[in-house]
Every structure is written in C-alpha cells, then in structure tokens.
Amino acid sequence: MGYAEAAYLTAVGDTVHVAARLEELTKTYASELVISEAVAARAGVDVSGYPRDELTLRNRSAPLAIRVVADARALAANLS
C-alpha cells in the first residue's frame, strides 16, 4: 500500500480494482451495466450506441473509456 503517487502492490490487482469501480458506477449512472470499451471490443460486442464516458483511475496513466448500458437485456438481445 502507499500514499498519493507512491506505488503499491496488493493481492487485489488492477483487474479486480477496475471491475470494482465499474460495478460501483452502475449506482452512479443508475444502470444495469458499465463496461469498458476495451472489454467490449475483446468480446466482440458493439457498444457504440450506448452513452460513453471516461473514467480516471488511480495508478493508470490514461483514462478508461466506458459505456453505460441501462438495460443489459437489450445488449444481450443484440448478441444473438
């Protein structure tokens, strides 16, 4: 653990940290799903029609592009 810009290592790791932040954002955006554009692209899911935002995360040099999906069922319907 560290303070301010000091580097830190935990058992949690970057992936879990990002996932926890995205889950928290579902409450902020009153949505069912907040997904990073990087994950959507790797999964082959087109999220271009959903609202976009950028999230600044601690220990990351660049902002994380996210999409806000109010109704996850609508996104799932587009997958079939």
N, C-alpha and C. Protein backbone atom coordinates (compact mmCIF):
# COMPACT_ATOMS: atom_id res chain seq x y z
N MET A 1 0.84 -1.17 0.00
CA MET A 1 0.00 0.00 0.00
C MET A 1 0.88 1.24 0.00
N GLY A 2 0.31 2.33 -0.44
CA GLY A 2 1.10 3.54 -0.50
C GLY A 2 0.24 4.77 -0.35
N TYR A 3 0.87 5.90 -0.42
CA TYR A 3 0.18 7.16 -0.28
C TYR A 3 0.43 8.01 -1.53
N ALA A 4 -0.62 8.68 -1.99
CA ALA A 4 -0.55 9.58 -3.14
C ALA A 4 0.00 8.87 -4.37
N GLU A 5 1.16 9.28 -4.85
CA GLU A 5 1.70 8.70 -6.08
C GLU A 5 2.64 7.53 -5.82
N ALA A 6 2.77 7.13 -4.57
CA ALA A 6 3.65 6.01 -4.25
C ALA A 6 3.08 4.72 -4.83
N ALA A 7 3.94 3.90 -5.38
CA ALA A 7 3.50 2.62 -5.94
C ALA A 7 3.10 1.69 -4.81
N TYR A 8 2.15 0.83 -5.11
CA TYR A 8 1.75 -0.14 -4.11
C TYR A 8 1.39 -1.45 -4.79
N LEU A 9 1.51 -2.51 -4.07
CA LEU A 9 1.14 -3.84 -4.54
C LEU A 9 0.16 -4.44 -3.55
N THR A 10 -0.89 -5.04 -4.08
CA THR A 10 -1.84 -5.73 -3.22
C THR A 10 -2.21 -7.04 -3.87
N ALA A 11 -2.93 -7.85 -3.13
CA ALA A 11 -3.41 -9.11 -3.67
C ALA A 11 -4.58 -8.88 -4.63
N VAL A 12 -5.15 -7.69 -4.60
CA VAL A 12 -6.32 -7.39 -5.41
C VAL A 12 -5.95 -7.28 -6.89
N GLY A 13 -5.00 -6.47 -7.21
CA GLY A 13 -4.57 -6.33 -8.60
C GLY A 13 -5.43 -5.36 -9.38
N ASP A 14 -4.93 -4.98 -10.54
CA ASP A 14 -5.56 -3.98 -11.38
C ASP A 14 -6.92 -4.43 -11.91
N THR A 15 -7.03 -5.67 -12.34
CA THR A 15 -8.29 -6.15 -12.93
C THR A 15 -9.43 -6.09 -11.93
N VAL A 16 -9.18 -6.53 -10.71
CA VAL A 16 -10.22 -6.51 -9.68
C VAL A 16 -10.54 -5.07 -9.29
N HIS A 17 -9.53 -4.22 -9.22
CA HIS A 17 -9.75 -2.81 -8.90
C HIS A 17 -10.66 -2.16 -9.93
N VAL A 18 -10.38 -2.37 -11.21
CA VAL A 18 -11.19 -1.78 -12.27
C VAL A 18 -12.61 -2.35 -12.23
N ALA A 19 -12.74 -3.65 -12.06
CA ALA A 19 -14.07 -4.27 -12.02
C ALA A 19 -14.90 -3.72 -10.86
N ALA A 20 -14.27 -3.51 -9.73
CA ALA A 20 -14.99 -2.96 -8.57
C ALA A 20 -15.46 -1.54 -8.85
N ARG A 21 -14.61 -0.73 -9.48
CA ARG A 21 -15.00 0.64 -9.83
C ARG A 21 -16.16 0.65 -10.82
N LEU A 22 -16.13 -0.23 -11.83
CA LEU A 22 -17.21 -0.28 -12.81
C LEU A 22 -18.52 -0.70 -12.15
N GLU A 23 -18.43 -1.63 -11.23
CA GLU A 23 -19.63 -2.08 -10.51
C GLU A 23 -20.20 -0.93 -9.69
N GLU A 24 -19.35 -0.17 -9.03
CA GLU A 24 -19.80 0.99 -8.26
C GLU A 24 -20.51 2.01 -9.15
N LEU A 25 -20.02 2.17 -10.36
CA LEU A 25 -20.58 3.15 -11.28
C LEU A 25 -21.99 2.81 -11.74
N THR A 26 -22.40 1.54 -11.64
CA THR A 26 -23.78 1.22 -12.01
C THR A 26 -24.76 1.99 -11.13
N LYS A 27 -24.39 2.22 -9.89
CA LYS A 27 -25.24 3.01 -8.98
C LYS A 27 -25.22 4.48 -9.37
N THR A 28 -24.04 4.99 -9.68
CA THR A 28 -23.90 6.41 -10.06
C THR A 28 -24.70 6.72 -11.31
N TYR A 29 -24.65 5.83 -12.29
CA TYR A 29 -25.35 6.04 -13.56
C TYR A 29 -26.77 5.45 -13.56
N ALA A 30 -27.18 4.82 -12.45
CA ALA A 30 -28.49 4.17 -12.36
C ALA A 30 -28.70 3.24 -13.55
N SER A 31 -27.71 2.37 -13.78
CA SER A 31 -27.75 1.46 -14.91
C SER A 31 -27.48 0.03 -14.45
N GLU A 32 -27.75 -0.91 -15.34
CA GLU A 32 -27.50 -2.31 -15.01
C GLU A 32 -26.07 -2.73 -15.31
N LEU A 33 -25.40 -2.02 -16.22
CA LEU A 33 -24.06 -2.43 -16.64
C LEU A 33 -23.23 -1.22 -17.03
N VAL A 34 -22.00 -1.20 -16.55
CA VAL A 34 -20.99 -0.26 -17.03
C VAL A 34 -19.83 -1.13 -17.50
N ILE A 35 -19.48 -1.01 -18.77
CA ILE A 35 -18.47 -1.87 -19.38
C ILE A 35 -17.38 -1.01 -20.01
N SER A 36 -16.16 -1.46 -19.91
CA SER A 36 -15.09 -0.72 -20.57
C SER A 36 -15.14 -1.01 -22.07
N GLU A 37 -14.77 -0.02 -22.85
CA GLU A 37 -14.74 -0.23 -24.30
C GLU A 37 -13.74 -1.32 -24.67
N ALA A 38 -12.65 -1.43 -23.92
CA ALA A 38 -11.65 -2.46 -24.21
C ALA A 38 -12.22 -3.87 -24.03
N VAL A 39 -12.97 -4.08 -22.98
CA VAL A 39 -13.57 -5.40 -22.74
C VAL A 39 -14.63 -5.70 -23.80
N ALA A 40 -15.45 -4.71 -24.13
CA ALA A 40 -16.47 -4.91 -25.16
C ALA A 40 -15.83 -5.26 -26.49
N ALA A 41 -14.75 -4.58 -26.84
CA ALA A 41 -14.07 -4.87 -28.10
C ALA A 41 -13.50 -6.28 -28.11
N ARG A 42 -12.88 -6.69 -27.01
CA ARG A 42 -12.31 -8.05 -26.95
C ARG A 42 -13.39 -9.11 -27.02
N ALA A 43 -14.59 -8.78 -26.52
CA ALA A 43 -15.70 -9.73 -26.55
C ALA A 43 -16.45 -9.67 -27.88
N GLY A 44 -16.12 -8.70 -28.72
CA GLY A 44 -16.80 -8.57 -30.00
C GLY A 44 -18.20 -7.99 -29.88
N VAL A 45 -18.42 -7.20 -28.84
CA VAL A 45 -19.74 -6.61 -28.59
C VAL A 45 -19.73 -5.15 -29.04
N ASP A 46 -20.70 -4.78 -29.86
CA ASP A 46 -20.81 -3.40 -30.34
C ASP A 46 -21.56 -2.58 -29.30
N VAL A 47 -20.84 -1.68 -28.65
CA VAL A 47 -21.46 -0.82 -27.64
C VAL A 47 -21.49 0.64 -28.09
N SER A 48 -21.31 0.85 -29.39
CA SER A 48 -21.23 2.22 -29.91
C SER A 48 -22.52 3.01 -29.72
N GLY A 49 -23.64 2.34 -29.54
CA GLY A 49 -24.91 3.03 -29.38
C GLY A 49 -25.23 3.41 -27.94
N TYR A 50 -24.32 3.15 -27.02
CA TYR A 50 -24.56 3.44 -25.61
C TYR A 50 -23.74 4.66 -25.18
N PRO A 51 -24.24 5.39 -24.17
CA PRO A 51 -23.53 6.59 -23.72
C PRO A 51 -22.09 6.27 -23.31
N ARG A 52 -21.18 7.17 -23.70
CA ARG A 52 -19.75 6.98 -23.43
C ARG A 52 -19.28 7.99 -22.40
N ASP A 53 -18.34 7.56 -21.59
CA ASP A 53 -17.71 8.45 -20.61
C ASP A 53 -16.28 7.98 -20.44
N GLU A 54 -15.48 8.78 -19.77
CA GLU A 54 -14.11 8.40 -19.46
C GLU A 54 -13.92 8.47 -17.96
N LEU A 55 -13.23 7.48 -17.44
CA LEU A 55 -13.03 7.34 -16.01
C LEU A 55 -11.55 7.44 -15.71
N THR A 56 -11.19 8.28 -14.76
CA THR A 56 -9.80 8.38 -14.33
C THR A 56 -9.63 7.49 -13.11
N LEU A 57 -8.70 6.56 -13.21
CA LEU A 57 -8.44 5.62 -12.12
C LEU A 57 -7.06 5.83 -11.55
N ARG A 58 -6.96 5.62 -10.26
CA ARG A 58 -5.67 5.72 -9.58
C ARG A 58 -4.70 4.70 -10.18
N ASN A 59 -3.45 5.08 -10.32
CA ASN A 59 -2.37 4.24 -10.83
C ASN A 59 -2.50 3.89 -12.31
N ARG A 60 -3.30 4.65 -13.05
CA ARG A 60 -3.40 4.46 -14.50
C ARG A 60 -3.04 5.77 -15.16
N SER A 61 -2.22 5.69 -16.20
CA SER A 61 -1.77 6.92 -16.85
C SER A 61 -2.81 7.50 -17.80
N ALA A 62 -3.66 6.66 -18.35
CA ALA A 62 -4.67 7.14 -19.30
C ALA A 62 -6.07 6.87 -18.76
N PRO A 63 -7.04 7.71 -19.13
CA PRO A 63 -8.42 7.47 -18.71
C PRO A 63 -8.96 6.17 -19.33
N LEU A 64 -9.92 5.58 -18.67
CA LEU A 64 -10.56 4.35 -19.14
C LEU A 64 -11.88 4.73 -19.80
N ALA A 65 -12.04 4.38 -21.07
CA ALA A 65 -13.28 4.66 -21.79
C ALA A 65 -14.32 3.61 -21.41
N ILE A 66 -15.50 4.08 -21.03
CA ILE A 66 -16.57 3.18 -20.60
C ILE A 66 -17.85 3.46 -21.38
N ARG A 67 -18.73 2.49 -21.39
CA ARG A 67 -20.08 2.65 -21.95
C ARG A 67 -21.08 2.29 -20.87
N VAL A 68 -22.17 3.01 -20.83
CA VAL A 68 -23.21 2.82 -19.81
C VAL A 68 -24.42 2.17 -20.46
N VAL A 69 -24.78 0.99 -19.97
CA VAL A 69 -25.89 0.22 -20.52
C VAL A 69 -27.00 0.20 -19.47
N ALA A 70 -28.08 0.92 -19.73
CA ALA A 70 -29.18 0.99 -18.78
C ALA A 70 -29.89 -0.34 -18.64
N ASP A 71 -30.09 -1.04 -19.75
CA ASP A 71 -30.82 -2.31 -19.76
C ASP A 71 -29.94 -3.38 -20.38
N ALA A 72 -29.37 -4.23 -19.56
CA ALA A 72 -28.44 -5.26 -20.04
C ALA A 72 -29.15 -6.26 -20.95
N ARG A 73 -30.45 -6.44 -20.79
CA ARG A 73 -31.19 -7.38 -21.65
C ARG A 73 -31.18 -6.89 -23.10
N ALA A 74 -31.23 -5.59 -23.29
CA ALA A 74 -31.19 -5.04 -24.65
C ALA A 74 -29.84 -5.33 -25.30
N LEU A 75 -28.77 -5.23 -24.54
CA LEU A 75 -27.44 -5.55 -25.06
C LEU A 75 -27.36 -7.03 -25.39
N ALA A 76 -27.88 -7.86 -24.52
CA ALA A 76 -27.87 -9.32 -24.76
C ALA A 76 -28.68 -9.69 -25.99
N ALA A 77 -29.77 -8.98 -26.23
CA ALA A 77 -30.60 -9.26 -27.39
C ALA A 77 -29.85 -8.99 -28.70
N ASN A 78 -28.93 -8.04 -28.68
CA ASN A 78 -28.13 -7.70 -29.85
C ASN A 78 -27.05 -8.74 -30.13
N LEU A 79 -26.77 -9.61 -29.17
CA LEU A 79 -25.72 -10.61 -29.32
C LEU A 79 -26.20 -11.83 -30.09
N SER A 80 -27.48 -12.10 -30.09
CA SER A 80 -27.96 -13.33 -30.73
C SER A 80 -28.12 -13.21 -32.21
